[in-house]
C-alpha atoms as a PDB file:
ATOM      1  CA  MET A   1     -35.433  47.999 -40.073  1.00  0.00           C
ATOM      2  CA  SER A   2     -33.220  50.449 -37.724  1.00  0.00           C
ATOM      3  CA  SER A   3     -30.141  50.961 -38.481  1.00  0.00           C
ATOM      4  CA  GLU A   4     -29.319  49.989 -34.657  1.00  0.00           C
ATOM      5  CA  LEU A   5     -30.857  46.800 -35.309  1.00  0.00           C
ATOM      6  CA  VAL A   6     -29.228  45.982 -38.678  1.00  0.00           C
ATOM      7  CA  SER A   7     -26.036  46.906 -36.751  1.00  0.00           C
ATOM      8  CA  ARG A   8     -27.079  44.363 -34.149  1.00  0.00           C
ATOM      9  CA  ILE A   9     -27.534  41.568 -36.831  1.00  0.00           C
ATOM     10  CA  ALA A  10     -24.675  42.143 -38.350  1.00  0.00           C
ATOM     11  CA  ALA A  11     -22.748  41.553 -35.574  1.00  0.00           C
ATOM     12  CA  GLY A  12     -23.910  38.284 -34.829  1.00  0.00           C
ATOM     13  CA  GLU A  13     -22.336  37.525 -38.346  1.00  0.00           C
ATOM     14  CA  VAL A  14     -18.911  39.159 -38.205  1.00  0.00           C
ATOM     15  CA  VAL A  15     -18.225  38.926 -34.727  1.00  0.00           C
ATOM     16  CA  GLU A  16     -18.772  34.906 -33.309  1.00  0.00           C
ATOM     17  CA  ARG A  17     -16.665  35.441 -30.224  1.00  0.00           C
ATOM     18  CA  PRO A  18     -13.626  37.018 -28.609  1.00  0.00           C
ATOM     19  CA  ALA A  19     -11.115  35.708 -30.910  1.00  0.00           C
ATOM     20  CA  SER A  20     -13.289  37.094 -33.812  1.00  0.00           C
ATOM     21  CA  VAL A  21     -12.990  40.888 -32.733  1.00  0.00           C
ATOM     22  CA  VAL A  22      -8.934  40.344 -32.068  1.00  0.00           C
ATOM     23  CA  LYS A  23      -8.587  39.029 -35.104  1.00  0.00           C
ATOM     24  CA  GLU A  24     -10.790  41.791 -37.224  1.00  0.00           C
ATOM     25  CA  LEU A  25      -8.605  44.287 -35.203  1.00  0.00           C
ATOM     26  CA  VAL A  26      -5.133  42.702 -35.721  1.00  0.00           C
ATOM     27  CA  GLU A  27      -5.880  42.247 -39.136  1.00  0.00           C
ATOM     28  CA  ASN A  28      -7.112  46.365 -39.485  1.00  0.00           C
ATOM     29  CA  SER A  29      -3.660  47.420 -37.732  1.00  0.00           C
ATOM     30  CA  ILE A  30      -1.524  45.091 -40.361  1.00  0.00           C
ATOM     31  CA  ASP A  31      -3.468  47.000 -43.396  1.00  0.00           C
ATOM     32  CA  ALA A  32      -2.612  50.145 -41.107  1.00  0.00           C
ATOM     33  CA  GLY A  33       1.264  49.681 -41.883  1.00  0.00           C
ATOM     34  CA  ALA A  34       1.967  48.549 -38.031  1.00  0.00           C
ATOM     35  CA  THR A  35       5.296  47.283 -37.589  1.00  0.00           C
ATOM     36  CA  ALA A  36       3.876  46.214 -33.574  1.00  0.00           C
ATOM     37  CA  ILE A  37       0.837  45.384 -32.792  1.00  0.00           C
ATOM     38  CA  ARG A  38       0.021  44.757 -28.845  1.00  0.00           C
ATOM     39  CA  ILE A  39      -3.333  43.238 -27.915  1.00  0.00           C
ATOM     40  CA  ASN A  40      -4.590  43.019 -23.955  1.00  0.00           C
ATOM     41  CA  VAL A  41      -7.417  40.835 -23.483  1.00  0.00           C
ATOM     42  CA  GLU A  42      -9.383  40.230 -20.118  1.00  0.00           C
ATOM     43  CA  GLN A  43     -11.697  37.546 -18.374  1.00  0.00           C
ATOM     44  CA  GLY A  44     -11.858  35.996 -22.355  1.00  0.00           C
ATOM     45  CA  GLY A  45     -12.307  38.483 -24.081  1.00  0.00           C
ATOM     46  CA  ARG A  46     -15.645  39.481 -22.340  1.00  0.00           C
ATOM     47  CA  LYS A  47     -14.459  42.241 -19.666  1.00  0.00           C
ATOM     48  CA  LEU A  48     -11.479  43.601 -22.177  1.00  0.00           C
ATOM     49  CA  ILE A  49      -9.980  43.382 -25.764  1.00  0.00           C
ATOM     50  CA  GLN A  50      -7.181  46.166 -26.292  1.00  0.00           C
ATOM     51  CA  VAL A  51      -5.295  46.474 -29.760  1.00  0.00           C
ATOM     52  CA  VAL A  52      -2.733  49.273 -29.814  1.00  0.00           C
ATOM     53  CA  ASP A  53      -0.833  49.865 -33.035  1.00  0.00           C
ATOM     54  CA  ASN A  54       1.877  51.965 -34.671  1.00  0.00           C
ATOM     55  CA  GLY A  55       0.434  52.543 -37.856  1.00  0.00           C
ATOM     56  CA  CYS A  56      -0.861  54.592 -40.016  1.00  0.00           C
ATOM     57  CA  GLY A  57      -3.982  56.499 -37.602  1.00  0.00           C
ATOM     58  CA  MET A  58      -6.470  58.748 -38.953  1.00  0.00           C
ATOM     59  CA  ASP A  59      -7.812  62.114 -38.760  1.00  0.00           C
ATOM     60  CA  ARG A  60     -11.183  63.204 -37.410  1.00  0.00           C
ATOM     61  CA  THR A  61     -13.224  62.292 -40.276  1.00  0.00           C
ATOM     62  CA  ASP A  62     -11.782  59.196 -40.915  1.00  0.00           C
ATOM     63  CA  ALA A  63     -12.139  58.291 -37.521  1.00  0.00           C
ATOM     64  CA  MET A  64     -15.885  58.911 -37.593  1.00  0.00           C
ATOM     65  CA  LEU A  65     -16.376  57.517 -40.982  1.00  0.00           C
ATOM     66  CA  CYS A  66     -14.712  54.005 -40.184  1.00  0.00           C
ATOM     67  CA  LEU A  67     -18.090  53.080 -37.870  1.00  0.00           C
ATOM     68  CA  GLU A  68     -20.120  53.520 -40.576  1.00  0.00           C
ATOM     69  CA  THR A  69     -21.570  50.369 -41.652  1.00  0.00           C
ATOM     70  CA  HIS A  70     -19.878  49.054 -45.353  1.00  0.00           C
ATOM     71  CA  ALA A  71     -17.483  52.733 -45.469  1.00  0.00           C
ATOM     72  CA  THR A  72     -13.831  51.066 -46.400  1.00  0.00           C
ATOM     73  CA  SER A  73     -10.412  53.106 -47.404  1.00  0.00           C
ATOM     74  CA  LYS A  74      -9.550  49.987 -48.886  1.00  0.00           C
ATOM     75  CA  LEU A  75     -11.715  49.590 -52.034  1.00  0.00           C
ATOM     76  CA  THR A  76     -11.673  52.890 -54.610  1.00  0.00           C
ATOM     77  CA  VAL A  77     -13.261  51.385 -58.008  1.00  0.00           C
ATOM     78  CA  ASN A  78     -14.765  48.030 -58.928  1.00  0.00           C
ATOM     79  CA  GLY A  79     -12.065  46.347 -60.174  1.00  0.00           C
ATOM     80  CA  ASP A  80     -10.336  46.430 -56.962  1.00  0.00           C
ATOM     81  CA  VAL A  81     -12.424  43.913 -55.288  1.00  0.00           C
ATOM     82  CA  GLY A  82     -11.220  40.985 -58.136  1.00  0.00           C
ATOM     83  CA  GLN A  83      -7.667  41.918 -56.631  1.00  0.00           C
ATOM     84  CA  ILE A  84      -7.880  42.887 -53.431  1.00  0.00           C
ATOM     85  CA  SER A  85      -4.292  43.062 -51.500  1.00  0.00           C
ATOM     86  CA  THR A  86      -5.359  43.718 -47.883  1.00  0.00           C
ATOM     87  CA  LEU A  87      -7.036  41.582 -45.071  1.00  0.00           C
ATOM     88  CA  GLY A  88     -10.160  43.516 -44.468  1.00  0.00           C
ATOM     89  CA  PHE A  89     -12.431  45.640 -47.243  1.00  0.00           C
ATOM     90  CA  ARG A  90     -16.026  45.421 -46.687  1.00  0.00           C
ATOM     91  CA  GLY A  91     -16.256  48.155 -43.693  1.00  0.00           C
ATOM     92  CA  GLU A  92     -18.378  45.511 -41.325  1.00  0.00           C
ATOM     93  CA  ALA A  93     -16.202  45.343 -38.518  1.00  0.00           C
ATOM     94  CA  LEU A  94     -15.296  48.284 -36.564  1.00  0.00           C
ATOM     95  CA  PRO A  95     -19.625  49.408 -36.853  1.00  0.00           C
ATOM     96  CA  SER A  96     -20.441  45.711 -35.700  1.00  0.00           C
ATOM     97  CA  ILE A  97     -18.070  45.293 -32.999  1.00  0.00           C
ATOM     98  CA  ALA A  98     -19.088  48.694 -31.792  1.00  0.00           C
ATOM     99  CA  ALA A  99     -22.469  47.744 -31.941  1.00  0.00           C
ATOM    100  CA  VAL A 100     -22.213  45.019 -29.541  1.00  0.00           C
ATOM    101  CA  SER A 101     -19.771  46.934 -26.848  1.00  0.00           C
ATOM    102  CA  ARG A 102     -18.213  49.346 -24.900  1.00  0.00           C
ATOM    103  CA  PHE A 103     -15.873  50.892 -27.442  1.00  0.00           C
ATOM    104  CA  ILE A 104     -13.363  53.685 -27.653  1.00  0.00           C
ATOM    105  CA  LEU A 105     -11.040  54.253 -30.041  1.00  0.00           C
ATOM    106  CA  GLN A 106      -8.142  56.574 -30.036  1.00  0.00           C
ATOM    107  CA  THR A 107      -6.108  57.525 -33.579  1.00  0.00           C
ATOM    108  CA  ARG A 108      -3.626  59.776 -34.453  1.00  0.00           C
ATOM    109  CA  ARG A 109      -1.820  60.391 -37.713  1.00  0.00           C
ATOM    110  CA  GLU A 110       1.631  61.006 -37.692  1.00  0.00           C
ATOM    111  CA  GLU A 111       1.689  64.336 -38.569  1.00  0.00           C
ATOM    112  CA  ASP A 112      -1.126  65.549 -36.776  1.00  0.00           C
ATOM    113  CA  THR A 113      -0.466  67.565 -33.616  1.00  0.00           C
ATOM    114  CA  VAL A 114      -3.703  65.906 -31.845  1.00  0.00           C
ATOM    115  CA  GLY A 115      -5.287  62.423 -31.864  1.00  0.00           C
ATOM    116  CA  THR A 116      -8.704  61.741 -32.294  1.00  0.00           C
ATOM    117  CA  GLU A 117     -11.248  59.992 -29.607  1.00  0.00           C
ATOM    118  CA  VAL A 118     -14.530  58.396 -30.216  1.00  0.00           C
ATOM    119  CA  VAL A 119     -16.560  56.494 -27.866  1.00  0.00           C
ATOM    120  CA  VAL A 120     -19.381  54.482 -28.727  1.00  0.00           C
ATOM    121  CA  ASP A 121     -21.955  52.753 -26.093  1.00  0.00           C
ATOM    122  CA  TYR A 122     -23.730  49.753 -28.267  1.00  0.00           C
ATOM    123  CA  GLY A 123     -23.992  51.382 -31.630  1.00  0.00           C
ATOM    124  CA  GLN A 124     -24.307  55.095 -30.262  1.00  0.00           C
ATOM    125  CA  ILE A 125     -21.577  57.306 -30.729  1.00  0.00           C
ATOM    126  CA  ARG A 126     -21.326  59.430 -27.743  1.00  0.00           C
ATOM    127  CA  ASP A 127     -18.352  61.734 -28.003  1.00  0.00           C
ATOM    128  CA  ALA A 128     -15.877  62.760 -30.428  1.00  0.00           C
ATOM    129  CA  ARG A 129     -12.938  65.092 -29.460  1.00  0.00           C
ATOM    130  CA  ASP A 130      -9.505  65.781 -29.754  1.00  0.00           C
ATOM    131  CA  CYS A 131      -7.037  63.412 -27.164  1.00  0.00           C
ATOM    132  CA  GLY A 132      -3.345  63.291 -26.931  1.00  0.00           C
ATOM    133  CA  CYS A 133      -2.099  59.851 -28.018  1.00  0.00           C
ATOM    134  CA  ALA A 134       1.060  58.486 -29.808  1.00  0.00           C
ATOM    135  CA  PRO A 135       0.868  58.043 -33.410  1.00  0.00           C
ATOM    136  CA  GLY A 136      -1.268  55.029 -34.258  1.00  0.00           C
ATOM    137  CA  THR A 137      -4.735  53.496 -33.524  1.00  0.00           C
ATOM    138  CA  ASN A 138      -5.660  52.254 -30.008  1.00  0.00           C
ATOM    139  CA  ILE A 139      -8.951  50.211 -29.793  1.00  0.00           C
ATOM    140  CA  ARG A 140     -10.551  49.385 -26.379  1.00  0.00           C
ATOM    141  CA  VAL A 141     -13.719  47.330 -26.607  1.00  0.00           C
ATOM    142  CA  SER A 142     -15.273  46.318 -23.216  1.00  0.00           C
ATOM    143  CA  GLN A 143     -18.452  44.421 -22.006  1.00  0.00           C
ATOM    144  CA  LEU A 144     -18.514  42.228 -25.313  1.00  0.00           C
ATOM    145  CA  PHE A 145     -22.399  41.044 -26.040  1.00  0.00           C
ATOM    146  CA  ALA A 146     -23.613  42.725 -22.841  1.00  0.00           C
ATOM    147  CA  ASN A 147     -26.386  44.058 -24.935  1.00  0.00           C
ATOM    148  CA  LEU A 148     -27.096  40.388 -26.391  1.00  0.00           C
ATOM    149  CA  PRO A 149     -27.427  37.677 -23.895  1.00  0.00           C
ATOM    150  CA  ALA A 150     -28.234  35.095 -26.299  1.00  0.00           C
ATOM    151  CA  LEU A 151     -24.664  35.419 -27.972  1.00  0.00           C
ATOM    152  CA  GLN A 152     -23.175  35.674 -24.372  1.00  0.00           C
ATOM    153  CA  LYS A 153     -24.457  32.070 -23.922  1.00  0.00           C
ATOM    154  CA  PHE A 154     -22.606  30.225 -26.664  1.00  0.00           C
ATOM    155  CA  MET A 155     -19.715  31.782 -25.333  1.00  0.00           C
ATOM    156  CA  ARG A 156     -17.460  29.294 -23.501  1.00  0.00           C
ATOM    157  CA  GLY A 157     -15.336  29.440 -19.986  1.00  0.00           C
ATOM    158  CA  PRO A 158     -12.770  32.574 -19.664  1.00  0.00           C
ATOM    159  CA  GLU A 159      -9.734  30.022 -20.255  1.00  0.00           C
ATOM    160  CA  THR A 160     -11.106  28.237 -23.257  1.00  0.00           C
ATOM    161  CA  GLU A 161     -12.270  31.783 -25.006  1.00  0.00           C
ATOM    162  CA  ASP A 162      -8.195  32.858 -24.267  1.00  0.00           C
ATOM    163  CA  GLY A 163      -7.068  30.183 -26.154  1.00  0.00           C
ATOM    164  CA  TYR A 164      -9.302  30.807 -29.059  1.00  0.00           C
ATOM    165  CA  ILE A 165      -7.533  34.194 -28.639  1.00  0.00           C
ATOM    166  CA  GLU A 166      -4.261  33.282 -28.243  1.00  0.00           C
ATOM    167  CA  GLU A 167      -4.511  30.501 -31.601  1.00  0.00           C
ATOM    168  CA  ILE A 168      -5.624  33.814 -33.640  1.00  0.00           C
ATOM    169  CA  VAL A 169      -2.511  35.702 -32.466  1.00  0.00           C
ATOM    170  CA  ARG A 170      -0.323  33.060 -32.934  1.00  0.00           C
ATOM    171  CA  MET A 171      -1.367  32.704 -36.509  1.00  0.00           C
ATOM    172  CA  LEU A 172      -1.647  35.916 -37.616  1.00  0.00           C
ATOM    173  CA  ALA A 173       1.963  36.543 -35.957  1.00  0.00           C
ATOM    174  CA  LEU A 174       2.989  33.625 -38.140  1.00  0.00           C
ATOM    175  CA  ALA A 175       1.383  35.035 -41.311  1.00  0.00           C
ATOM    176  CA  ARG A 176       3.447  38.155 -40.734  1.00  0.00           C
ATOM    177  CA  PRO A 177       6.913  37.390 -39.662  1.00  0.00           C
ATOM    178  CA  ASP A 178       7.860  40.875 -40.101  1.00  0.00           C
ATOM    179  CA  ILE A 179       5.845  42.229 -37.103  1.00  0.00           C
ATOM    180  CA  SER A 180       6.280  42.001 -33.696  1.00  0.00           C
ATOM    181  CA  PHE A 181       3.326  40.962 -31.598  1.00  0.00           C
ATOM    182  CA  THR A 182       3.033  41.227 -28.186  1.00  0.00           C
ATOM    183  CA  LEU A 183      -0.244  39.097 -26.166  1.00  0.00           C
ATOM    184  CA  TYR A 184      -1.035  40.193 -22.778  1.00  0.00           C
ATOM    185  CA  THR A 185      -4.112  37.623 -20.850  1.00  0.00           C
ATOM    186  CA  ASN A 186      -5.241  39.029 -17.764  1.00  0.00           C
ATOM    187  CA  THR A 187      -2.192  41.219 -17.458  1.00  0.00           C
ATOM    188  CA  ARG A 188       0.310  38.326 -17.619  1.00  0.00           C
ATOM    189  CA  GLU A 189       2.395  38.362 -21.163  1.00  0.00           C
ATOM    190  CA  THR A 190       1.694  34.928 -23.029  1.00  0.00           C
ATOM    191  CA  LEU A 191       3.191  35.599 -26.296  1.00  0.00           C
ATOM    192  CA  ARG A 192       5.988  38.109 -27.532  1.00  0.00           C
ATOM    193  CA  VAL A 193       7.482  37.704 -30.599  1.00  0.00           C
ATOM    194  CA  ASN A 194       9.674  40.333 -32.330  1.00  0.00           C
ATOM    195  CA  ALA A 195      10.111  41.114 -35.815  1.00  0.00           C
ATOM    196  CA  VAL A 196      12.264  39.044 -38.015  1.00  0.00           C
ATOM    197  CA  ASN A 197      12.846  38.811 -41.817  1.00  0.00           C
ATOM    198  CA  ASN A 198      12.753  34.443 -41.762  1.00  0.00           C
ATOM    199  CA  ILE A 199       9.747  32.758 -41.391  1.00  0.00           C
ATOM    200  CA  GLY A 200      11.780  29.921 -40.057  1.00  0.00           C
ATOM    201  CA  MET A 201      12.743  32.020 -37.015  1.00  0.00           C
ATOM    202  CA  ARG A 202       9.377  32.850 -36.378  1.00  0.00           C
ATOM    203  CA  VAL A 203       7.790  29.403 -36.556  1.00  0.00           C
ATOM    204  CA  ALA A 204      10.580  28.673 -33.339  1.00  0.00           C
ATOM    205  CA  ALA A 205       9.516  31.726 -31.438  1.00  0.00           C
ATOM    206  CA  VAL A 206       5.511  30.850 -32.239  1.00  0.00           C
ATOM    207  CA  LEU A 207       6.047  27.108 -31.661  1.00  0.00           C
ATOM    208  CA  GLY A 208       9.035  26.528 -30.146  1.00  0.00           C
ATOM    209  CA  ARG A 209      12.273  25.317 -30.882  1.00  0.00           C
ATOM    210  CA  GLU A 210      11.886  21.811 -29.905  1.00  0.00           C
ATOM    211  CA  THR A 211       8.934  21.505 -32.643  1.00  0.00           C
ATOM    212  CA  PHE A 212      11.151  23.629 -35.063  1.00  0.00           C
ATOM    213  CA  ALA A 213      14.101  21.182 -35.223  1.00  0.00           C
ATOM    214  CA  ALA A 214      11.691  18.637 -35.558  1.00  0.00           C
ATOM    215  CA  MET A 215      10.804  20.518 -39.568  1.00  0.00           C
ATOM    216  CA  LEU A 216      11.456  20.312 -42.815  1.00  0.00           C
ATOM    217  CA  PRO A 217      11.435  23.403 -45.176  1.00  0.00           C
ATOM    218  CA  ILE A 218       9.135  23.440 -47.893  1.00  0.00           C
ATOM    219  CA  ASP A 219       9.756  25.442 -51.097  1.00  0.00           C
ATOM    220  CA  TYR A 220       7.571  24.213 -54.523  1.00  0.00           C
ATOM    221  CA  THR A 221       6.200  25.833 -57.371  1.00  0.00           C
ATOM    222  CA  GLU A 222       3.675  24.252 -59.946  1.00  0.00           C
ATOM    223  CA  ASP A 223       1.557  25.974 -62.376  1.00  0.00           C
ATOM    224  CA  ASP A 224       1.707  29.811 -60.689  1.00  0.00           C
ATOM    225  CA  ILE A 225       1.170  28.195 -57.403  1.00  0.00           C
ATOM    226  CA  HIS A 226       4.296  28.784 -54.849  1.00  0.00           C
ATOM    227  CA  VAL A 227       4.162  26.272 -51.559  1.00  0.00           C
ATOM    228  CA  THR A 228       6.571  27.430 -48.418  1.00  0.00           C
ATOM    229  CA  GLY A 229       6.780  26.663 -45.026  1.00  0.00           C
ATOM    230  CA  PHE A 230       7.814  23.724 -42.772  1.00  0.00           C
ATOM    231  CA  ILE A 231       6.344  20.054 -42.184  1.00  0.00           C
ATOM    232  CA  THR A 232       7.613  17.882 -39.776  1.00  0.00           C
ATOM    233  CA  ASN A 233       8.830  14.539 -40.442  1.00  0.00           C
ATOM    234  CA  PRO A 234       6.408  11.284 -40.221  1.00  0.00           C
ATOM    235  CA  GLY A 235       7.840  10.428 -36.275  1.00  0.00           C
ATOM    236  CA  TYR A 236       6.477  13.958 -34.931  1.00  0.00           C
ATOM    237  CA  THR A 237       2.806  13.528 -34.682  1.00  0.00           C
ATOM    238  CA  ARG A 238      -0.341  14.896 -33.251  1.00  0.00           C
ATOM    239  CA  SER A 239      -3.539  12.954 -32.238  1.00  0.00           C
ATOM    240  CA  SER A 240      -5.482  16.205 -34.048  1.00  0.00           C
ATOM    241  CA  ARG A 241      -4.685  18.813 -36.818  1.00  0.00           C
ATOM    242  CA  ARG A 242      -4.673  21.661 -34.644  1.00  0.00           C
ATOM    243  CA  GLU A 243      -1.392  22.514 -35.099  1.00  0.00           C
ATOM    244  CA  GLN A 244      -1.699  22.259 -38.399  1.00  0.00           C
ATOM    245  CA  ARG A 245      -1.706  25.917 -39.677  1.00  0.00           C
ATOM    246  CA  ALA A 246      -2.733  27.385 -43.515  1.00  0.00           C
ATOM    247  CA  ILE A 247      -1.722  30.961 -44.652  1.00  0.00           C
ATOM    248  CA  VAL A 248      -2.893  31.426 -48.179  1.00  0.00           C
ATOM    249  CA  ASN A 249      -1.342  34.863 -49.834  1.00  0.00           C
ATOM    250  CA  GLY A 250      -0.673  36.398 -46.546  1.00  0.00           C
ATOM    251  CA  ARG A 251      -3.936  35.669 -44.602  1.00  0.00           C
ATOM    252  CA  ALA A 252      -4.379  32.913 -41.911  1.00  0.00           C
ATOM    253  CA  ALA A 253      -6.904  30.282 -43.436  1.00  0.00           C
ATOM    254  CA  SER A 254      -8.862  27.271 -42.759  1.00  0.00           C
ATOM    255  CA  ALA A 255      -8.179  25.267 -45.728  1.00  0.00           C
ATOM    256  CA  ASP A 256      -9.774  22.019 -45.639  1.00  0.00           C
ATOM    257  CA  THR A 257      -8.484  20.915 -48.992  1.00  0.00           C
ATOM    258  CA  ILE A 258      -4.743  21.416 -47.717  1.00  0.00           C
ATOM    259  CA  PHE A 259      -4.828  19.467 -44.476  1.00  0.00           C
ATOM    260  CA  PHE A 260      -6.730  16.637 -46.344  1.00  0.00           C
ATOM    261  CA  ALA A 261      -3.714  16.617 -49.087  1.00  0.00           C
ATOM    262  CA  ILE A 262      -1.131  16.537 -45.890  1.00  0.00           C
ATOM    263  CA  ARG A 263      -3.137  13.485 -44.509  1.00  0.00           C
ATOM    264  CA  GLU A 264      -3.190  11.362 -47.617  1.00  0.00           C
ATOM    265  CA  ALA A 265       0.580  12.204 -48.346  1.00  0.00           C
ATOM    266  CA  PHE A 266       1.052  10.709 -45.206  1.00  0.00           C
ATOM    267  CA  ASP A 267      -1.288   7.896 -44.673  1.00  0.00           C
ATOM    268  CA  ASN A 268       1.202   4.958 -44.713  1.00  0.00           C
ATOM    269  CA  LEU A 269       4.166   6.838 -43.350  1.00  0.00           C
ATOM    270  CA  VAL A 270       2.373   7.789 -39.669  1.00  0.00           C
ATOM    271  CA  MET A 271       0.049   5.674 -37.396  1.00  0.00           C
ATOM    272  CA  LYS A 272      -3.917   5.603 -37.718  1.00  0.00           C
ATOM    273  CA  GLY A 273      -5.569   8.417 -35.783  1.00  0.00           C
ATOM    274  CA  ARG A 274      -2.226  10.524 -35.983  1.00  0.00           C
END
């Protein structure tokens, strides 16, 4: 298969929907040491997804290399794969996203006088040039899946996709209270949280002070497993587990085992179906 076809197939697995793009780009920003991340989305992410950070940035060589499949700076030796500390490490996200969108990357390291801009059209690099930009990285993804109508067909309406994106950003914000996050949806600010050193303050900012007031702190250790967080008392319930959020080793996770354990623990304390 051609490299272009391989990238489009990989994109279908890595990038399920616009929220997947947001997740991958923001996690890259976190891995780059960013302390402030801004996300802009339009029309459910189909028209535009933009992630701007103040992380370490890249030089021209790395900016070009990051668009190559399985190119990563996060693994150096085989042993690293057993003790991964970064959110991303496979080097698939950026080339996969660039294969199914109009993709612009602007990046600069603090020590460089000029930055680098790389323009990619559906997997084809159109230009790479010097540019003026702030230290960090600014990625714009537009016309997502325009070259893959089959994937577009499975996308929901803009409002639904906006909801998926906001939930992803909320999860990432809860996982990293030390980072400031701002989310704009169709130019309207929908989430803003400042960096804090207290997870409780972040929970209150993301989930609301009323919800946080109904919560109890958890801090428990057994067999080298440390569990911290907040849980509501039995009188504060929901009809689904949508607002149960788990973070494992700093990574937002869908943890069915944890959700099942919570349900079992509360089985005799809450009404059925809650």
